[in-house]
C-alpha atoms as a PDB file:
ATOM      1  CA  MET A   1     -49.400   2.238 157.184  1.00  0.00           C
ATOM      2  CA  ASN A   2     -46.510  -0.203 157.604  1.00  0.00           C
ATOM      3  CA  LEU A   3     -43.517   2.091 157.979  1.00  0.00           C
ATOM      4  CA  GLU A   4     -41.100  -0.824 157.579  1.00  0.00           C
ATOM      5  CA  GLU A   5     -42.069  -1.089 153.896  1.00  0.00           C
ATOM      6  CA  TYR A   6     -40.601   2.331 153.129  1.00  0.00           C
ATOM      7  CA  LYS A   7     -36.901   2.324 152.215  1.00  0.00           C
ATOM      8  CA  GLY A   8     -34.410   4.614 150.505  1.00  0.00           C
ATOM      9  CA  VAL A   9     -33.735   8.301 150.036  1.00  0.00           C
ATOM     10  CA  PHE A  10     -35.349   9.696 146.874  1.00  0.00           C
ATOM     11  CA  VAL A  11     -34.558  13.008 145.176  1.00  0.00           C
ATOM     12  CA  PHE A  12     -36.796  14.734 142.658  1.00  0.00           C
ATOM     13  CA  ALA A  13     -34.162  15.424 139.992  1.00  0.00           C
ATOM     14  CA  GLN A  14     -35.520  18.625 138.510  1.00  0.00           C
ATOM     15  CA  GLN A  15     -34.525  19.249 134.920  1.00  0.00           C
ATOM     16  CA  VAL A  16     -35.341  22.216 132.717  1.00  0.00           C
ATOM     17  CA  ASP A  17     -34.869  22.202 128.946  1.00  0.00           C
ATOM     18  CA  ASN A  18     -33.297  18.735 129.228  1.00  0.00           C
ATOM     19  CA  GLN A  19     -30.562  19.887 131.588  1.00  0.00           C
ATOM     20  CA  ASN A  20     -30.236  18.787 135.196  1.00  0.00           C
ATOM     21  CA  SER A  21     -30.789  21.691 137.575  1.00  0.00           C
ATOM     22  CA  GLY A  22     -28.086  22.518 140.084  1.00  0.00           C
ATOM     23  CA  ILE A  23     -30.469  21.867 142.975  1.00  0.00           C
ATOM     24  CA  ALA A  24     -30.909  18.256 141.828  1.00  0.00           C
ATOM     25  CA  LEU A  25     -27.161  17.670 142.051  1.00  0.00           C
ATOM     26  CA  GLU A  26     -26.943  19.409 145.428  1.00  0.00           C
ATOM     27  CA  LEU A  27     -29.747  17.268 146.852  1.00  0.00           C
ATOM     28  CA  LEU A  28     -28.135  14.072 145.602  1.00  0.00           C
ATOM     29  CA  GLY A  29     -25.065  14.886 147.680  1.00  0.00           C
ATOM     30  CA  GLU A  30     -27.228  15.509 150.730  1.00  0.00           C
ATOM     31  CA  ALA A  31     -29.206  12.328 150.064  1.00  0.00           C
ATOM     32  CA  LYS A  32     -25.963  10.341 149.985  1.00  0.00           C
ATOM     33  CA  ARG A  33     -25.037  11.709 153.407  1.00  0.00           C
ATOM     34  CA  LEU A  34     -28.477  10.893 154.837  1.00  0.00           C
ATOM     35  CA  ALA A  35     -28.484   7.414 153.313  1.00  0.00           C
ATOM     36  CA  ALA A  36     -25.222   6.382 155.014  1.00  0.00           C
ATOM     37  CA  PRO A  37     -26.551   5.939 158.591  1.00  0.00           C
ATOM     38  CA  LEU A  38     -29.682   4.282 157.201  1.00  0.00           C
ATOM     39  CA  ASN A  39     -27.607   1.832 155.132  1.00  0.00           C
ATOM     40  CA  THR A  40     -29.816   2.467 152.126  1.00  0.00           C
ATOM     41  CA  GLU A  41     -29.668   3.637 148.502  1.00  0.00           C
ATOM     42  CA  VAL A  42     -30.048   7.028 146.861  1.00  0.00           C
ATOM     43  CA  THR A  43     -32.589   7.174 144.056  1.00  0.00           C
ATOM     44  CA  ALA A  44     -33.070  10.063 141.635  1.00  0.00           C
ATOM     45  CA  VAL A  45     -36.542  10.468 140.138  1.00  0.00           C
ATOM     46  CA  LEU A  46     -36.096  11.968 136.683  1.00  0.00           C
ATOM     47  CA  ILE A  47     -39.288  13.253 135.066  1.00  0.00           C
ATOM     48  CA  GLY A  48     -39.520  14.704 131.568  1.00  0.00           C
ATOM     49  CA  SER A  49     -39.579  13.924 127.862  1.00  0.00           C
ATOM     50  CA  ASP A  50     -36.541  12.458 126.114  1.00  0.00           C
ATOM     51  CA  VAL A  51     -34.362  12.932 129.209  1.00  0.00           C
ATOM     52  CA  LYS A  52     -32.660   9.533 129.512  1.00  0.00           C
ATOM     53  CA  GLY A  53     -29.346  11.110 128.552  1.00  0.00           C
ATOM     54  CA  LEU A  54     -29.277  12.935 131.899  1.00  0.00           C
ATOM     55  CA  CYS A  55     -28.985   9.741 133.950  1.00  0.00           C
ATOM     56  CA  ASP A  56     -25.191   9.456 133.848  1.00  0.00           C
ATOM     57  CA  GLU A  57     -24.737  12.902 135.374  1.00  0.00           C
ATOM     58  CA  LEU A  58     -27.140  11.993 138.184  1.00  0.00           C
ATOM     59  CA  ALA A  59     -25.072   8.873 138.832  1.00  0.00           C
ATOM     60  CA  ALA A  60     -21.887  10.933 138.948  1.00  0.00           C
ATOM     61  CA  TYR A  61     -23.366  13.114 141.680  1.00  0.00           C
ATOM     62  CA  GLY A  62     -24.536  10.301 143.922  1.00  0.00           C
ATOM     63  CA  ALA A  63     -27.537   8.422 142.512  1.00  0.00           C
ATOM     64  CA  ASP A  64     -27.342   4.648 142.932  1.00  0.00           C
ATOM     65  CA  ARG A  65     -30.356   4.270 140.667  1.00  0.00           C
ATOM     66  CA  VAL A  66     -32.584   6.474 138.541  1.00  0.00           C
ATOM     67  CA  ILE A  67     -36.321   6.017 138.176  1.00  0.00           C
ATOM     68  CA  LEU A  68     -37.047   7.458 134.747  1.00  0.00           C
ATOM     69  CA  VAL A  69     -40.538   8.719 133.950  1.00  0.00           C
ATOM     70  CA  ASP A  70     -40.312   9.720 130.300  1.00  0.00           C
ATOM     71  CA  ASP A  71     -43.400  10.785 128.383  1.00  0.00           C
ATOM     72  CA  PRO A  72     -44.311  13.494 125.823  1.00  0.00           C
ATOM     73  CA  GLU A  73     -46.869  14.853 128.328  1.00  0.00           C
ATOM     74  CA  LEU A  74     -43.921  15.812 130.551  1.00  0.00           C
ATOM     75  CA  LYS A  75     -42.011  17.948 128.038  1.00  0.00           C
ATOM     76  CA  GLU A  76     -42.716  21.183 129.918  1.00  0.00           C
ATOM     77  CA  TYR A  77     -43.485  21.401 133.600  1.00  0.00           C
ATOM     78  CA  ARG A  78     -47.208  21.308 134.300  1.00  0.00           C
ATOM     79  CA  THR A  79     -48.600  20.730 137.767  1.00  0.00           C
ATOM     80  CA  GLU A  80     -50.980  17.826 137.167  1.00  0.00           C
ATOM     81  CA  PRO A  81     -48.893  15.432 135.032  1.00  0.00           C
ATOM     82  CA  TYR A  82     -45.780  15.988 137.178  1.00  0.00           C
ATOM     83  CA  THR A  83     -47.800  15.488 140.373  1.00  0.00           C
ATOM     84  CA  HIS A  84     -49.236  12.287 138.922  1.00  0.00           C
ATOM     85  CA  ALA A  85     -45.757  11.106 137.926  1.00  0.00           C
ATOM     86  CA  LEU A  86     -44.015  11.719 141.264  1.00  0.00           C
ATOM     87  CA  SER A  87     -46.882  10.529 143.450  1.00  0.00           C
ATOM     88  CA  SER A  88     -47.156   7.358 141.348  1.00  0.00           C
ATOM     89  CA  VAL A  89     -43.430   6.710 141.851  1.00  0.00           C
ATOM     90  CA  ILE A  90     -43.861   7.161 145.615  1.00  0.00           C
ATOM     91  CA  ASN A  91     -46.848   4.828 145.767  1.00  0.00           C
ATOM     92  CA  GLU A  92     -45.056   2.178 143.708  1.00  0.00           C
ATOM     93  CA  PHE A  93     -41.545   2.270 145.197  1.00  0.00           C
ATOM     94  CA  LYS A  94     -42.310   3.435 148.763  1.00  0.00           C
ATOM     95  CA  PRO A  95     -39.359   5.696 149.665  1.00  0.00           C
ATOM     96  CA  ASP A  96     -38.560   6.514 153.285  1.00  0.00           C
ATOM     97  CA  ILE A  97     -37.419  10.062 152.453  1.00  0.00           C
ATOM     98  CA  VAL A  98     -38.184  12.365 149.495  1.00  0.00           C
ATOM     99  CA  LEU A  99     -36.229  15.577 148.896  1.00  0.00           C
ATOM    100  CA  VAL A 100     -37.443  18.310 146.537  1.00  0.00           C
ATOM    101  CA  GLY A 101     -35.743  21.577 145.599  1.00  0.00           C
ATOM    102  CA  ALA A 102     -37.513  24.702 146.837  1.00  0.00           C
ATOM    103  CA  THR A 103     -37.535  26.238 143.367  1.00  0.00           C
ATOM    104  CA  ALA A 104     -40.573  27.678 141.611  1.00  0.00           C
ATOM    105  CA  ILE A 105     -41.275  24.174 140.301  1.00  0.00           C
ATOM    106  CA  GLY A 106     -40.543  22.395 143.590  1.00  0.00           C
ATOM    107  CA  ARG A 107     -42.653  24.756 145.658  1.00  0.00           C
ATOM    108  CA  ASP A 108     -45.594  24.035 143.368  1.00  0.00           C
ATOM    109  CA  LEU A 109     -44.981  20.294 143.079  1.00  0.00           C
ATOM    110  CA  GLY A 110     -43.955  19.310 146.626  1.00  0.00           C
ATOM    111  CA  PRO A 111     -47.132  20.290 148.533  1.00  0.00           C
ATOM    112  CA  LYS A 112     -49.417  18.727 145.936  1.00  0.00           C
ATOM    113  CA  VAL A 113     -47.512  15.446 145.944  1.00  0.00           C
ATOM    114  CA  SER A 114     -47.418  15.303 149.745  1.00  0.00           C
ATOM    115  CA  ALA A 115     -51.187  15.852 149.882  1.00  0.00           C
ATOM    116  CA  ARG A 116     -51.799  13.190 147.261  1.00  0.00           C
ATOM    117  CA  VAL A 117     -49.736  10.560 149.097  1.00  0.00           C
ATOM    118  CA  ALA A 118     -51.112  11.688 152.492  1.00  0.00           C
ATOM    119  CA  THR A 119     -47.926  12.694 154.258  1.00  0.00           C
ATOM    120  CA  GLY A 120     -46.360  15.847 155.673  1.00  0.00           C
ATOM    121  CA  LEU A 121     -43.940  18.282 154.052  1.00  0.00           C
ATOM    122  CA  THR A 122     -41.420  20.563 155.768  1.00  0.00           C
ATOM    123  CA  ALA A 123     -40.560  23.548 153.576  1.00  0.00           C
ATOM    124  CA  ASP A 124     -37.338  25.539 153.150  1.00  0.00           C
ATOM    125  CA  CYS A 125     -35.136  23.340 155.337  1.00  0.00           C
ATOM    126  CA  THR A 126     -31.655  24.560 156.224  1.00  0.00           C
ATOM    127  CA  LEU A 127     -30.455  21.366 157.946  1.00  0.00           C
ATOM    128  CA  LEU A 128     -31.367  17.686 157.594  1.00  0.00           C
ATOM    129  CA  GLU A 129     -30.187  14.991 160.003  1.00  0.00           C
ATOM    130  CA  ILE A 130     -31.002  11.401 160.895  1.00  0.00           C
ATOM    131  CA  GLY A 131     -31.761  11.007 164.589  1.00  0.00           C
ATOM    132  CA  ASP A 132     -34.249  10.210 167.332  1.00  0.00           C
ATOM    133  CA  PHE A 133     -37.659  11.790 167.805  1.00  0.00           C
ATOM    134  CA  PRO A 134     -38.563  13.158 170.262  1.00  0.00           C
ATOM    135  CA  ILE A 135     -34.989  14.447 170.304  1.00  0.00           C
ATOM    136  CA  VAL A 136     -35.024  14.337 174.115  1.00  0.00           C
ATOM    137  CA  ALA A 137     -36.630  11.191 175.502  1.00  0.00           C
ATOM    138  CA  LYS A 138     -39.829  11.803 177.479  1.00  0.00           C
ATOM    139  CA  PRO A 139     -41.397   9.454 180.039  1.00  0.00           C
ATOM    140  CA  GLY A 140     -44.319   7.560 178.527  1.00  0.00           C
ATOM    141  CA  VAL A 141     -43.554   8.710 174.970  1.00  0.00           C
ATOM    142  CA  GLU A 142     -42.009   6.275 172.498  1.00  0.00           C
ATOM    143  CA  GLN A 143     -38.734   7.595 171.094  1.00  0.00           C
ATOM    144  CA  LYS A 144     -38.472   6.571 167.446  1.00  0.00           C
ATOM    145  CA  HIS A 145     -35.062   6.088 165.844  1.00  0.00           C
ATOM    146  CA  ASN A 146     -33.696   6.844 162.367  1.00  0.00           C
ATOM    147  CA  GLN A 147     -36.106   9.694 161.787  1.00  0.00           C
ATOM    148  CA  LEU A 148     -35.496  12.565 159.375  1.00  0.00           C
ATOM    149  CA  LEU A 149     -35.061  15.662 161.526  1.00  0.00           C
ATOM    150  CA  MET A 150     -35.863  18.689 159.382  1.00  0.00           C
ATOM    151  CA  THR A 151     -34.697  22.083 160.631  1.00  0.00           C
ATOM    152  CA  ARG A 152     -36.016  25.348 159.257  1.00  0.00           C
ATOM    153  CA  PRO A 153     -36.357  28.991 160.355  1.00  0.00           C
ATOM    154  CA  ALA A 154     -39.744  29.785 161.891  1.00  0.00           C
ATOM    155  CA  PHE A 155     -41.677  32.882 162.969  1.00  0.00           C
ATOM    156  CA  GLY A 156     -39.992  35.111 160.413  1.00  0.00           C
ATOM    157  CA  GLY A 157     -36.568  33.694 161.137  1.00  0.00           C
ATOM    158  CA  ASN A 158     -36.662  34.629 164.813  1.00  0.00           C
ATOM    159  CA  THR A 159     -36.375  31.019 165.919  1.00  0.00           C
ATOM    160  CA  ILE A 160     -35.350  27.643 164.535  1.00  0.00           C
ATOM    161  CA  ALA A 161     -37.746  24.690 164.478  1.00  0.00           C
ATOM    162  CA  THR A 162     -36.828  21.026 164.092  1.00  0.00           C
ATOM    163  CA  ILE A 163     -39.688  19.016 162.650  1.00  0.00           C
ATOM    164  CA  ALA A 164     -40.196  15.280 162.207  1.00  0.00           C
ATOM    165  CA  CYS A 165     -42.821  13.138 160.513  1.00  0.00           C
ATOM    166  CA  PRO A 166     -42.724   9.981 162.657  1.00  0.00           C
ATOM    167  CA  ASN A 167     -46.071   8.419 161.841  1.00  0.00           C
ATOM    168  CA  THR A 168     -46.406   8.627 158.058  1.00  0.00           C
ATOM    169  CA  ARG A 169     -44.185   8.006 155.067  1.00  0.00           C
ATOM    170  CA  PRO A 170     -42.452   9.257 153.080  1.00  0.00           C
ATOM    171  CA  GLN A 171     -40.778  12.004 155.092  1.00  0.00           C
ATOM    172  CA  MET A 172     -40.732  14.944 152.679  1.00  0.00           C
ATOM    173  CA  ALA A 173     -38.698  18.146 152.722  1.00  0.00           C
ATOM    174  CA  THR A 174     -37.943  20.987 150.350  1.00  0.00           C
ATOM    175  CA  VAL A 175     -34.513  22.644 150.382  1.00  0.00           C
ATOM    176  CA  ARG A 176     -33.564  25.946 148.779  1.00  0.00           C
ATOM    177  CA  PRO A 177     -30.838  26.037 146.130  1.00  0.00           C
ATOM    178  CA  GLY A 178     -27.396  26.711 147.539  1.00  0.00           C
ATOM    179  CA  VAL A 179     -28.088  25.393 151.047  1.00  0.00           C
ATOM    180  CA  MET A 180     -26.578  21.944 150.437  1.00  0.00           C
ATOM    181  CA  GLN A 181     -23.317  21.244 148.640  1.00  0.00           C
ATOM    182  CA  LYS A 182     -22.687  18.998 145.665  1.00  0.00           C
ATOM    183  CA  ILE A 183     -20.272  16.136 146.117  1.00  0.00           C
ATOM    184  CA  ASP A 184     -17.256  15.876 143.835  1.00  0.00           C
ATOM    185  CA  PRO A 185     -18.458  13.963 140.760  1.00  0.00           C
ATOM    186  CA  ILE A 186     -17.678  10.255 140.804  1.00  0.00           C
ATOM    187  CA  LYS A 187     -15.755   9.354 137.666  1.00  0.00           C
ATOM    188  CA  ASP A 188     -17.345   6.685 135.421  1.00  0.00           C
ATOM    189  CA  ALA A 189     -20.231   6.203 137.884  1.00  0.00           C
ATOM    190  CA  LYS A 190     -23.256   4.342 136.570  1.00  0.00           C
ATOM    191  CA  ALA A 191     -26.703   4.029 138.066  1.00  0.00           C
ATOM    192  CA  GLU A 192     -29.344   1.360 137.643  1.00  0.00           C
ATOM    193  CA  ILE A 193     -32.050   2.837 135.420  1.00  0.00           C
ATOM    194  CA  ILE A 194     -35.662   1.814 136.040  1.00  0.00           C
ATOM    195  CA  GLU A 195     -38.100   3.013 133.402  1.00  0.00           C
ATOM    196  CA  PHE A 196     -41.523   3.606 134.923  1.00  0.00           C
ATOM    197  CA  ASN A 197     -44.548   5.171 133.290  1.00  0.00           C
ATOM    198  CA  PRO A 198     -47.834   5.344 135.233  1.00  0.00           C
ATOM    199  CA  GLY A 199     -49.752   6.408 132.109  1.00  0.00           C
ATOM    200  CA  PHE A 200     -51.033   9.887 131.418  1.00  0.00           C
ATOM    201  CA  THR A 201     -54.625  10.692 130.532  1.00  0.00           C
ATOM    202  CA  PRO A 202     -55.137  14.431 130.038  1.00  0.00           C
ATOM    203  CA  ASN A 203     -58.099  15.805 131.963  1.00  0.00           C
ATOM    204  CA  SER A 204     -59.490  19.153 133.073  1.00  0.00           C
ATOM    205  CA  ASN A 205     -56.505  19.635 135.399  1.00  0.00           C
ATOM    206  CA  TYR A 206     -54.032  19.501 132.510  1.00  0.00           C
ATOM    207  CA  VAL A 207     -53.368  23.090 131.550  1.00  0.00           C
ATOM    208  CA  GLU A 208     -52.519  23.835 127.942  1.00  0.00           C
ATOM    209  CA  ILE A 209     -49.290  25.750 127.351  1.00  0.00           C
ATOM    210  CA  LEU A 210     -49.820  28.090 124.417  1.00  0.00           C
ATOM    211  CA  GLU A 211     -46.390  29.695 124.390  1.00  0.00           C
ATOM    212  CA  VAL A 212     -43.201  29.678 126.447  1.00  0.00           C
ATOM    213  CA  VAL A 213     -41.614  33.115 126.752  1.00  0.00           C
ATOM    214  CA  LYS A 214     -38.154  33.132 128.295  1.00  0.00           C
ATOM    215  CA  ALA A 215     -37.144  36.290 130.099  1.00  0.00           C
ATOM    216  CA  VAL A 216     -33.738  37.757 129.394  1.00  0.00           C
ATOM    217  CA  ASN A 217     -32.008  38.651 132.642  1.00  0.00           C
ATOM    218  CA  ASP A 218     -28.855  40.769 132.618  1.00  0.00           C
ATOM    219  CA  THR A 219     -28.335  40.276 136.374  1.00  0.00           C
ATOM    220  CA  VAL A 220     -25.411  38.053 137.335  1.00  0.00           C
ATOM    221  CA  ASP A 221     -26.373  35.034 139.462  1.00  0.00           C
ATOM    222  CA  ILE A 222     -24.801  35.880 142.804  1.00  0.00           C
ATOM    223  CA  MET A 223     -24.801  32.184 143.757  1.00  0.00           C
ATOM    224  CA  ASP A 224     -21.979  31.658 141.251  1.00  0.00           C
ATOM    225  CA  ALA A 225     -19.841  34.595 142.400  1.00  0.00           C
ATOM    226  CA  LYS A 226     -16.485  33.930 144.081  1.00  0.00           C
ATOM    227  CA  ILE A 227     -16.439  37.383 145.708  1.00  0.00           C
ATOM    228  CA  LEU A 228     -19.521  39.297 146.864  1.00  0.00           C
ATOM    229  CA  VAL A 229     -19.678  42.903 148.051  1.00  0.00           C
ATOM    230  CA  SER A 230     -22.987  43.054 149.875  1.00  0.00           C
ATOM    231  CA  GLY A 231     -24.692  46.200 151.135  1.00  0.00           C
ATOM    232  CA  GLY A 232     -27.417  46.765 153.689  1.00  0.00           C
ATOM    233  CA  ARG A 233     -29.617  49.576 154.898  1.00  0.00           C
ATOM    234  CA  GLY A 234     -26.538  51.216 156.396  1.00  0.00           C
ATOM    235  CA  VAL A 235     -25.287  52.094 152.912  1.00  0.00           C
ATOM    236  CA  GLY A 236     -27.772  54.939 153.161  1.00  0.00           C
ATOM    237  CA  SER A 237     -29.108  55.340 149.641  1.00  0.00           C
ATOM    238  CA  PRO A 238     -29.196  53.666 146.223  1.00  0.00           C
ATOM    239  CA  GLU A 239     -26.669  56.243 145.006  1.00  0.00           C
ATOM    240  CA  ASN A 240     -24.203  55.149 147.685  1.00  0.00           C
ATOM    241  CA  PHE A 241     -24.109  51.656 146.172  1.00  0.00           C
ATOM    242  CA  LYS A 242     -21.767  53.210 143.604  1.00  0.00           C
ATOM    243  CA  ILE A 243     -19.063  52.944 146.288  1.00  0.00           C
ATOM    244  CA  LEU A 244     -19.710  49.205 146.640  1.00  0.00           C
ATOM    245  CA  GLU A 245     -19.803  48.725 142.872  1.00  0.00           C
ATOM    246  CA  GLU A 246     -16.372  50.341 142.569  1.00  0.00           C
ATOM    247  CA  LEU A 247     -14.974  47.991 145.224  1.00  0.00           C
ATOM    248  CA  ALA A 248     -16.537  44.979 143.503  1.00  0.00           C
ATOM    249  CA  GLU A 249     -15.053  46.021 140.164  1.00  0.00           C
ATOM    250  CA  ALA A 250     -11.606  46.519 141.683  1.00  0.00           C
ATOM    251  CA  ILE A 251     -11.563  43.143 143.386  1.00  0.00           C
ATOM    252  CA  GLY A 252     -13.307  41.162 140.634  1.00  0.00           C
ATOM    253  CA  GLY A 253     -16.532  40.542 142.526  1.00  0.00           C
ATOM    254  CA  GLU A 254     -20.254  41.142 142.253  1.00  0.00           C
ATOM    255  CA  VAL A 255     -22.630  43.317 144.257  1.00  0.00           C
ATOM    256  CA  SER A 256     -25.375  41.798 146.395  1.00  0.00           C
ATOM    257  CA  CYS A 257     -27.604  43.144 149.153  1.00  0.00           C
ATOM    258  CA  SER A 258     -29.817  42.498 152.165  1.00  0.00           C
ATOM    259  CA  ARG A 259     -33.599  42.287 152.258  1.00  0.00           C
ATOM    260  CA  ALA A 260     -33.904  45.847 153.602  1.00  0.00           C
ATOM    261  CA  VAL A 261     -32.274  47.130 150.423  1.00  0.00           C
ATOM    262  CA  VAL A 262     -34.696  45.184 148.219  1.00  0.00           C
ATOM    263  CA  ASP A 263     -37.693  46.284 150.303  1.00  0.00           C
ATOM    264  CA  ALA A 264     -36.563  49.903 149.867  1.00  0.00           C
ATOM    265  CA  GLY A 265     -36.459  49.417 146.094  1.00  0.00           C
ATOM    266  CA  TRP A 266     -32.726  50.130 145.828  1.00  0.00           C
ATOM    267  CA  LYS A 267     -31.767  46.778 144.278  1.00  0.00           C
ATOM    268  CA  PRO A 268     -33.638  43.915 142.545  1.00  0.00           C
ATOM    269  CA  LYS A 269     -34.701  40.761 144.368  1.00  0.00           C
ATOM    270  CA  ASP A 270     -32.216  38.671 142.355  1.00  0.00           C
ATOM    271  CA  LEU A 271     -29.374  40.262 144.328  1.00  0.00           C
ATOM    272  CA  GLN A 272     -30.824  39.540 147.782  1.00  0.00           C
ATOM    273  CA  VAL A 273     -28.890  37.301 150.168  1.00  0.00           C
ATOM    274  CA  GLY A 274     -30.661  35.696 153.115  1.00  0.00           C
ATOM    275  CA  GLN A 275     -33.460  33.492 154.296  1.00  0.00           C
ATOM    276  CA  THR A 276     -35.947  34.958 151.827  1.00  0.00           C
ATOM    277  CA  GLY A 277     -33.294  35.587 149.171  1.00  0.00           C
ATOM    278  CA  LYS A 278     -30.446  33.400 147.968  1.00  0.00           C
ATOM    279  CA  THR A 279     -27.997  31.247 149.883  1.00  0.00           C
ATOM    280  CA  VAL A 280     -24.431  31.992 148.780  1.00  0.00           C
ATOM    281  CA  ARG A 281     -21.015  30.437 149.495  1.00  0.00           C
ATOM    282  CA  PRO A 282     -18.417  32.795 147.981  1.00  0.00           C
ATOM    283  CA  GLN A 283     -14.739  32.671 148.807  1.00  0.00           C
ATOM    284  CA  VAL A 284     -14.962  36.246 150.144  1.00  0.00           C
ATOM    285  CA  TYR A 285     -18.085  38.011 151.425  1.00  0.00           C
ATOM    286  CA  PHE A 286     -18.041  41.721 152.286  1.00  0.00           C
ATOM    287  CA  ALA A 287     -20.936  42.690 154.581  1.00  0.00           C
ATOM    288  CA  ILE A 288     -21.090  46.476 154.381  1.00  0.00           C
ATOM    289  CA  GLY A 289     -23.657  48.411 156.373  1.00  0.00           C
ATOM    290  CA  ILE A 290     -25.392  45.140 157.261  1.00  0.00           C
ATOM    291  CA  SER A 291     -26.436  44.665 160.879  1.00  0.00           C
ATOM    292  CA  GLY A 292     -26.321  40.852 160.745  1.00  0.00           C
ATOM    293  CA  ALA A 293     -29.888  39.773 161.470  1.00  0.00           C
ATOM    294  CA  ILE A 294     -30.346  35.996 161.607  1.00  0.00           C
ATOM    295  CA  GLN A 295     -32.358  36.073 158.376  1.00  0.00           C
ATOM    296  CA  HIS A 296     -29.387  37.501 156.474  1.00  0.00           C
ATOM    297  CA  VAL A 297     -26.738  35.408 158.198  1.00  0.00           C
ATOM    298  CA  ALA A 298     -28.625  32.236 157.226  1.00  0.00           C
ATOM    299  CA  GLY A 299     -27.867  33.025 153.600  1.00  0.00           C
ATOM    300  CA  MET A 300     -24.124  33.749 153.837  1.00  0.00           C
ATOM    301  CA  GLU A 301     -22.612  32.173 156.952  1.00  0.00           C
ATOM    302  CA  GLU A 302     -20.977  29.367 154.910  1.00  0.00           C
ATOM    303  CA  SER A 303     -18.785  31.872 153.043  1.00  0.00           C
ATOM    304  CA  ASP A 304     -15.093  31.024 153.260  1.00  0.00           C
ATOM    305  CA  LEU A 305     -14.088  34.503 154.484  1.00  0.00           C
ATOM    306  CA  ILE A 306     -16.449  37.150 155.876  1.00  0.00           C
ATOM    307  CA  ILE A 307     -15.351  40.787 156.177  1.00  0.00           C
ATOM    308  CA  ALA A 308     -17.734  43.163 157.950  1.00  0.00           C
ATOM    309  CA  ILE A 309     -17.676  46.968 157.777  1.00  0.00           C
ATOM    310  CA  ASN A 310     -20.080  48.744 160.115  1.00  0.00           C
ATOM    311  CA  LYS A 311     -19.991  51.874 162.258  1.00  0.00           C
ATOM    312  CA  ASP A 312     -21.834  50.054 165.077  1.00  0.00           C
ATOM    313  CA  GLU A 313     -19.295  47.984 166.971  1.00  0.00           C
ATOM    314  CA  THR A 314     -22.107  45.993 168.629  1.00  0.00           C
ATOM    315  CA  ALA A 315     -23.665  44.899 165.317  1.00  0.00           C
ATOM    316  CA  PRO A 316     -24.345  41.119 165.296  1.00  0.00           C
ATOM    317  CA  ILE A 317     -22.539  40.789 161.941  1.00  0.00           C
ATOM    318  CA  PHE A 318     -19.224  40.985 163.820  1.00  0.00           C
ATOM    319  CA  ASP A 319     -20.118  37.735 165.610  1.00  0.00           C
ATOM    320  CA  VAL A 320     -19.892  35.788 162.340  1.00  0.00           C
ATOM    321  CA  ALA A 321     -17.208  37.864 160.598  1.00  0.00           C
ATOM    322  CA  ASP A 322     -13.622  36.664 160.255  1.00  0.00           C
ATOM    323  CA  TYR A 323     -12.452  40.282 160.028  1.00  0.00           C
ATOM    324  CA  GLY A 324     -14.303  43.406 161.117  1.00  0.00           C
ATOM    325  CA  ILE A 325     -13.760  47.108 160.554  1.00  0.00           C
ATOM    326  CA  VAL A 326     -15.633  49.563 162.771  1.00  0.00           C
ATOM    327  CA  GLY A 327     -15.968  52.789 160.867  1.00  0.00           C
ATOM    328  CA  ASP A 328     -17.837  54.950 158.376  1.00  0.00           C
ATOM    329  CA  LEU A 329     -18.244  52.915 155.170  1.00  0.00           C
ATOM    330  CA  ASN A 330     -18.115  56.142 153.153  1.00  0.00           C
ATOM    331  CA  LYS A 331     -14.507  56.546 154.259  1.00  0.00           C
ATOM    332  CA  VAL A 332     -13.430  52.917 154.680  1.00  0.00           C
ATOM    333  CA  VAL A 333     -14.711  51.450 151.407  1.00  0.00           C
ATOM    334  CA  PRO A 334     -13.207  54.070 149.022  1.00  0.00           C
ATOM    335  CA  LYS A 335      -9.869  53.770 150.869  1.00  0.00           C
ATOM    336  CA  LEU A 336     -10.000  49.979 150.556  1.00  0.00           C
ATOM    337  CA  THR A 337     -10.785  50.278 146.842  1.00  0.00           C
ATOM    338  CA  GLU A 338      -7.894  52.682 146.393  1.00  0.00           C
ATOM    339  CA  LEU A 339      -5.458  50.315 148.129  1.00  0.00           C
ATOM    340  CA  ILE A 340      -6.616  47.356 146.042  1.00  0.00           C
ATOM    341  CA  LYS A 341      -6.180  49.301 142.800  1.00  0.00           C
ATOM    342  CA  ALA A 342      -2.730  50.517 143.872  1.00  0.00           C
ATOM    343  CA  ASN A 343      -1.670  46.993 144.788  1.00  0.00           C
ATOM    344  CA  LYS A 344      -2.840  45.643 141.414  1.00  0.00           C
ATOM    345  CA  LYS A 345      -0.792  48.294 139.617  1.00  0.00           C
ATOM    346  CA  ALA A 346       2.275  47.411 141.693  1.00  0.00           C
ATOM    347  CA  LEU A 347       1.932  43.790 140.644  1.00  0.00           C
END
């Protein structure tokens, strides 16, 4: 493999129902940052049926060009035709880096594409950088430059691993929604559009979709919330979450939780913040009865303002909090709610 042939940062621009997914726009911003030190272009790979109208939005969020694979076989996501489409793009255009969202679609697609093009894949990355590998030079070992250094939690979140793929291309990574930030849209941006169709011949690996049933979910997406009131095991019981719900209502926020709460069956998975839940960036994050394990902190540490309430003054959550209250949440939270309500009335 001639590594010099591989150029550019490519993003799988996931779309659903002919709308660009938020993760596609987030990854374009990250791709633009990674492309700068490499002096290369950002390319969005848009796969679907009748999706050309989405190209301008991809350009606005950082794509210098869009490779459009448009075919009726790609109307709904199916593993085999999408794998064929993306792997064909990689084989034809030879990208240096490929980023995929760690969504339900991306987690199915990414590993299959990486296997088909014979390269590695680092999953659920929390940090991507361009640098040298090995990171620390070693005698007798060639240190390669301009490598994609992919950082992710390992061993259940108890340590952090930085992984590189120095000997094969492309360098592939998946990133969870919410980890990277979108850039501000570029007004009137246009991207070069390259229409590419590798041809699709249905075979035994093409599943047949008989019906698409869309679930109706009444749960608010906590990733969109400006204020989150998050509870952990220290809340004590599912009934005690009523206290947090009253605070959230008073302050105009939403309730979220830690993994321990979900594992106990107190709250649904959709409300979980953390390494195995959702990554959130609210303006204000209340961590109530949450110890502050690294797995949880990974999902909320980018919040603008973190307020921790915990009776254990040695809890790790205080290390990342901007403000901390040591005390019984059953006394502190109702009092805080009362003060907020009184202040609103005074205004």
